[in-house]
């Protein structure tokens, strides 16, 4: 006799923060659907990890910066769910996929600005819109923001303001979906040692030391500091948390 698993969909799940979210969600007993931008080899490794844990997993390529691919993706997900889970619906949506483009206000190009907007704001807004009919009543949405919406540094404006918009969007969505008992929260990681934005948080010793010096816990964050909290938000224990921003930065600039 098998127990029916809940199902989580994570965008950008093949590496970094997204991979850790996928692993923690699977550890909590969720079957996984996740997207990746282009690196199928890494995506396949994550699928294999989840399967080894006894949960189902499938990965689809998706460009979050181009809404033109969203209808086809949603159709794929719906068909997969119907065939392998017996229903076209899933429980948890994690809007994680992202990219970093940095530069001063004076030098940021329209193309760079549009790229940040399309990936982090327009893409999240309209992919969520298209997936709403598939999310079960009582489900969860977790949007990923950034510590850069609370504190700021030079050369992050285009990225940071899109994340600021996502935090406002989270509250609006929580209000609108309350009648369906769907909670919507936002997780805002601080500086994390990943390949994101060129990987300097992992490879630049001077930057790592500077981050550590302004962080209460005295170090740069790791992907493993984030995924468990995202997975927690998809448990019954977190059911009364709604419309909230959780910063995971180790106490940066508190």
Protein backbone atom coordinates (compact mmCIF):
# COMPACT_ATOMS: atom_id res chain seq x y z
CA UNK A 1 0.00 0.00 0.00
CA UNK A 2 1.58 3.28 -1.14
CA UNK A 3 1.13 6.68 0.41
CA UNK A 4 0.45 9.43 -2.11
CA UNK A 5 3.30 11.92 -2.16
CA UNK A 6 2.95 15.64 -2.38
CA UNK A 7 4.58 17.22 -5.42
CA UNK A 8 6.87 20.24 -5.62
CA UNK A 9 7.82 22.19 -8.74
CA UNK A 10 11.10 24.13 -8.47
CA UNK A 11 12.41 26.46 -11.17
CA UNK A 12 16.19 26.47 -11.57
CA UNK A 13 16.76 23.24 -9.67
CA UNK A 14 19.91 21.85 -11.28
CA UNK A 15 22.55 23.62 -9.19
CA UNK A 16 23.23 26.04 -6.35
CA UNK A 17 20.33 27.06 -4.15
CA UNK A 18 17.76 25.36 -6.35
CA UNK A 19 19.49 22.01 -6.16
CA UNK A 20 19.55 22.19 -2.36
CA UNK A 21 15.85 23.09 -2.34
CA UNK A 22 15.08 20.05 -4.52
CA UNK A 23 17.08 17.72 -2.27
CA UNK A 24 15.46 19.00 0.92
CA UNK A 25 11.96 18.85 -0.56
CA UNK A 26 12.59 15.27 -1.69
CA UNK A 27 13.96 14.42 1.75
CA UNK A 28 10.62 15.59 3.16
CA UNK A 29 8.78 13.11 0.96
CA UNK A 30 7.89 15.25 -2.05
CA UNK A 31 8.04 14.09 -5.63
CA UNK A 32 9.90 16.66 -7.71
CA UNK A 33 9.50 18.48 -11.00
CA UNK A 34 12.21 21.03 -11.68
CA UNK A 35 13.49 23.20 -14.49
CA UNK A 36 16.98 23.96 -15.70
CA UNK A 37 18.20 26.53 -18.19
CA UNK A 38 20.66 24.58 -20.35
CA UNK A 39 22.85 22.18 -18.32
CA UNK A 40 21.13 18.83 -18.80
CA UNK A 41 24.11 16.91 -17.37
CA UNK A 42 23.76 18.62 -13.98
CA UNK A 43 19.97 18.32 -14.10
CA UNK A 44 20.23 14.57 -14.71
CA UNK A 45 22.52 14.24 -11.68
CA UNK A 46 19.92 15.91 -9.47
CA UNK A 47 17.18 13.67 -10.88
CA UNK A 48 19.33 10.64 -10.02
CA UNK A 49 19.88 11.94 -6.47
CA UNK A 50 16.15 12.30 -5.90
CA UNK A 51 15.37 8.88 -7.37
CA UNK A 52 18.00 7.37 -5.05
CA UNK A 53 16.04 8.85 -2.13
CA UNK A 54 12.94 6.95 -3.21
CA UNK A 55 11.04 9.93 -4.68
CA UNK A 56 10.03 10.60 -8.26
CA UNK A 57 11.79 13.33 -10.24
CA UNK A 58 11.79 14.83 -13.71
CA UNK A 59 13.59 17.86 -15.14
CA UNK A 60 12.51 20.11 -18.01
CA UNK A 61 14.49 22.83 -19.81
CA UNK A 62 12.91 26.27 -19.43
CA UNK A 63 14.09 29.79 -20.18
CA UNK A 64 12.53 32.02 -17.52
CA UNK A 65 13.38 35.07 -19.61
CA UNK A 66 11.03 34.10 -22.45
CA UNK A 67 7.33 33.76 -21.71
CA UNK A 68 6.82 32.23 -25.18
CA UNK A 69 7.90 28.85 -23.85
CA UNK A 70 5.57 28.85 -20.85
CA UNK A 71 2.44 27.36 -22.46
CA UNK A 72 4.39 24.39 -23.78
CA UNK A 73 6.06 23.85 -20.41
CA UNK A 74 2.77 23.97 -18.51
CA UNK A 75 1.27 21.47 -20.97
CA UNK A 76 4.24 19.14 -20.39
CA UNK A 77 3.88 19.40 -16.62
CA UNK A 78 0.13 18.80 -16.75
CA UNK A 79 0.56 15.74 -18.96
CA UNK A 80 3.36 14.36 -16.78
CA UNK A 81 1.28 14.79 -13.63
CA UNK A 82 -1.76 13.16 -15.19
CA UNK A 83 0.23 10.17 -16.42
CA UNK A 84 2.49 9.61 -13.40
CA UNK A 85 0.51 11.01 -10.46
CA UNK A 86 -3.05 10.42 -11.59
CA UNK A 87 -4.02 14.09 -11.52
CA UNK A 88 -2.81 17.24 -13.34
CA UNK A 89 -2.31 19.06 -10.04
CA UNK A 90 0.68 19.65 -7.77
CA UNK A 91 1.16 21.10 -4.29
CA UNK A 92 4.14 23.46 -4.05
CA UNK A 93 5.64 26.00 -6.45
CA UNK A 94 9.13 27.37 -5.75
CA UNK A 95 10.03 30.33 -8.00
CA UNK A 96 13.80 30.16 -7.70
CA UNK A 97 15.40 30.40 -11.16
CA UNK A 98 17.51 33.49 -11.70
CA UNK A 99 20.61 35.11 -13.10
CA UNK A 100 22.79 38.01 -12.00
CA UNK A 101 23.68 40.99 -14.16
CA UNK A 102 25.57 43.67 -12.29
CA UNK A 103 26.64 47.21 -13.10
CA UNK A 104 26.22 50.77 -11.92
CA UNK A 105 23.11 52.77 -12.74
CA UNK A 106 25.24 54.87 -15.10
CA UNK A 107 26.41 51.88 -17.14
CA UNK A 108 23.42 49.48 -17.05
CA UNK A 109 22.10 48.96 -20.56
CA UNK A 110 18.46 48.55 -21.53
CA UNK A 111 19.22 45.01 -22.61
CA UNK A 112 20.67 44.16 -19.19
CA UNK A 113 17.71 45.80 -17.45
CA UNK A 114 15.22 43.96 -19.65
CA UNK A 115 17.00 40.67 -19.00
CA UNK A 116 16.67 41.12 -15.23
CA UNK A 117 13.04 42.16 -15.56
CA UNK A 118 12.13 39.27 -17.86
CA UNK A 119 13.80 36.59 -15.72
CA UNK A 120 13.07 37.80 -12.21
CA UNK A 121 9.77 39.65 -12.52
CA UNK A 122 7.84 39.11 -15.75
CA UNK A 123 8.83 35.45 -15.95
CA UNK A 124 7.87 34.73 -12.33
CA UNK A 125 4.61 36.66 -12.65
CA UNK A 126 3.36 34.93 -15.79
CA UNK A 127 4.67 31.43 -15.08
CA UNK A 128 2.89 31.55 -11.73
CA UNK A 129 -0.25 32.82 -13.47
CA UNK A 130 -0.19 29.91 -15.91
CA UNK A 131 0.47 27.36 -13.16
CA UNK A 132 -2.22 28.59 -10.76
CA UNK A 133 -4.90 26.26 -12.20
CA UNK A 134 -2.59 23.29 -11.53
CA UNK A 135 -1.76 24.20 -7.91
CA UNK A 136 -3.96 22.38 -5.42
CA UNK A 137 -6.09 24.33 -2.99
CA UNK A 138 -4.16 24.34 0.28
CA UNK A 139 -0.85 24.44 -1.60
CA UNK A 140 2.15 26.70 -1.16
CA UNK A 141 4.08 29.19 -3.26
CA UNK A 142 7.58 30.26 -2.22
CA UNK A 143 9.23 33.09 -4.14
CA UNK A 144 12.98 33.65 -3.88
CA UNK A 145 14.15 37.22 -3.37
CA UNK A 146 17.44 38.61 -2.06
CA UNK A 147 19.00 40.25 0.96
CA UNK A 148 19.68 43.13 -1.44
CA UNK A 149 16.12 44.36 -0.99
CA UNK A 150 16.95 45.31 2.61
CA UNK A 151 20.59 46.41 2.36
CA UNK A 152 22.31 47.66 -0.75
CA UNK A 153 25.71 47.85 -2.37
CA UNK A 154 26.91 49.48 -5.60
CA UNK A 155 26.21 47.86 -8.96
CA UNK A 156 23.14 45.78 -8.03
CA UNK A 157 20.27 48.11 -8.90
CA UNK A 158 18.69 46.30 -11.87
CA UNK A 159 18.73 42.96 -10.06
CA UNK A 160 17.69 44.30 -6.66
CA UNK A 161 14.68 46.30 -7.82
CA UNK A 162 13.21 43.26 -9.56
CA UNK A 163 13.52 41.33 -6.31
CA UNK A 164 11.88 44.23 -4.48
CA UNK A 165 8.97 43.91 -6.89
CA UNK A 166 8.77 40.17 -6.20
CA UNK A 167 8.38 40.89 -2.48
CA UNK A 168 5.42 43.18 -3.20
CA UNK A 169 4.02 40.59 -5.61
CA UNK A 170 4.24 37.96 -2.87
CA UNK A 171 1.98 39.95 -0.58
CA UNK A 172 -0.52 40.65 -3.38
CA UNK A 173 -0.60 36.98 -4.32
CA UNK A 174 -1.06 35.89 -0.70
CA UNK A 175 -4.09 38.16 -0.47
CA UNK A 176 -5.62 36.91 -3.71
CA UNK A 177 -5.05 33.20 -3.04
CA UNK A 178 -6.23 33.19 0.55
CA UNK A 179 -9.67 31.99 -0.54
CA UNK A 180 -7.97 28.87 -1.94
CA UNK A 181 -6.00 28.36 1.28
CA UNK A 182 -2.75 28.74 -0.67
CA UNK A 183 0.02 30.48 1.27
CA UNK A 184 2.62 32.65 -0.45
CA UNK A 185 5.89 33.61 1.21
CA UNK A 186 9.24 34.97 0.09
CA UNK A 187 12.70 33.75 1.11
CA UNK A 188 15.51 36.29 0.79
CA UNK A 189 18.98 34.70 0.83
CA UNK A 190 21.97 36.83 1.74
CA UNK A 191 25.41 36.33 0.18
CA UNK A 192 25.72 32.63 -0.71
CA UNK A 193 28.75 30.77 -2.09
CA UNK A 194 27.40 29.59 -5.45
CA UNK A 195 28.23 30.15 -9.13
CA UNK A 196 25.53 32.83 -9.29
CA UNK A 197 26.57 36.14 -10.84
CA UNK A 198 30.06 34.94 -11.69
CA UNK A 199 30.67 33.00 -8.47
CA UNK A 200 32.64 35.68 -6.61
CA UNK A 201 31.00 34.75 -3.29
CA UNK A 202 32.71 31.37 -3.69
CA UNK A 203 36.03 32.33 -5.26
CA UNK A 204 36.95 35.90 -4.24
CA UNK A 205 38.73 35.72 -0.88
CA UNK A 206 38.60 39.48 -0.31
CA UNK A 207 34.87 39.57 -0.93
CA UNK A 208 34.29 36.55 1.29
CA UNK A 209 36.22 38.18 4.11
CA UNK A 210 34.27 41.41 3.68
CA UNK A 211 30.95 39.54 3.82
CA UNK A 212 32.04 37.59 6.88
CA UNK A 213 33.00 40.82 8.65
CA UNK A 214 29.47 42.27 8.36
CA UNK A 215 27.64 39.03 9.15
CA UNK A 216 26.78 38.13 12.74
CA UNK A 217 27.61 34.45 12.19
CA UNK A 218 30.95 35.41 10.67
CA UNK A 219 30.90 33.58 7.35
CA UNK A 220 29.48 33.50 3.84
CA UNK A 221 26.32 31.46 3.42
CA UNK A 222 26.23 28.05 1.73
CA UNK A 223 23.43 26.55 -0.39
CA UNK A 224 22.75 24.15 2.49
CA UNK A 225 21.68 27.14 4.60
CA UNK A 226 18.67 27.83 2.36
CA UNK A 227 16.98 24.70 1.05
CA UNK A 228 15.83 23.39 4.41
CA UNK A 229 13.89 26.56 5.14
CA UNK A 230 12.18 26.45 1.75
CA UNK A 231 11.24 22.82 2.40
CA UNK A 232 9.94 23.77 5.86
CA UNK A 233 7.59 26.32 4.30
CA UNK A 234 6.04 23.40 2.43
CA UNK A 235 5.19 21.46 5.60
CA UNK A 236 2.03 21.53 7.73
CA UNK A 237 4.00 23.24 10.53
CA UNK A 238 4.36 26.38 8.37
CA UNK A 239 0.71 26.55 7.35
CA UNK A 240 -0.09 29.75 9.25
CA UNK A 241 2.82 31.72 7.79
CA UNK A 242 1.58 33.79 4.89
CA UNK A 243 2.66 36.91 3.03
CA UNK A 244 5.95 37.00 4.92
CA UNK A 245 9.59 37.74 4.04
CA UNK A 246 12.20 35.46 5.61
CA UNK A 247 15.77 36.68 5.22
CA UNK A 248 18.41 33.95 5.42
CA UNK A 249 21.67 35.89 5.69
CA UNK A 250 23.27 34.78 8.94
CA UNK A 251 22.55 38.21 10.38
CA UNK A 252 24.14 40.38 7.69
CA UNK A 253 24.26 44.04 8.71
CA UNK A 254 21.83 43.59 11.61
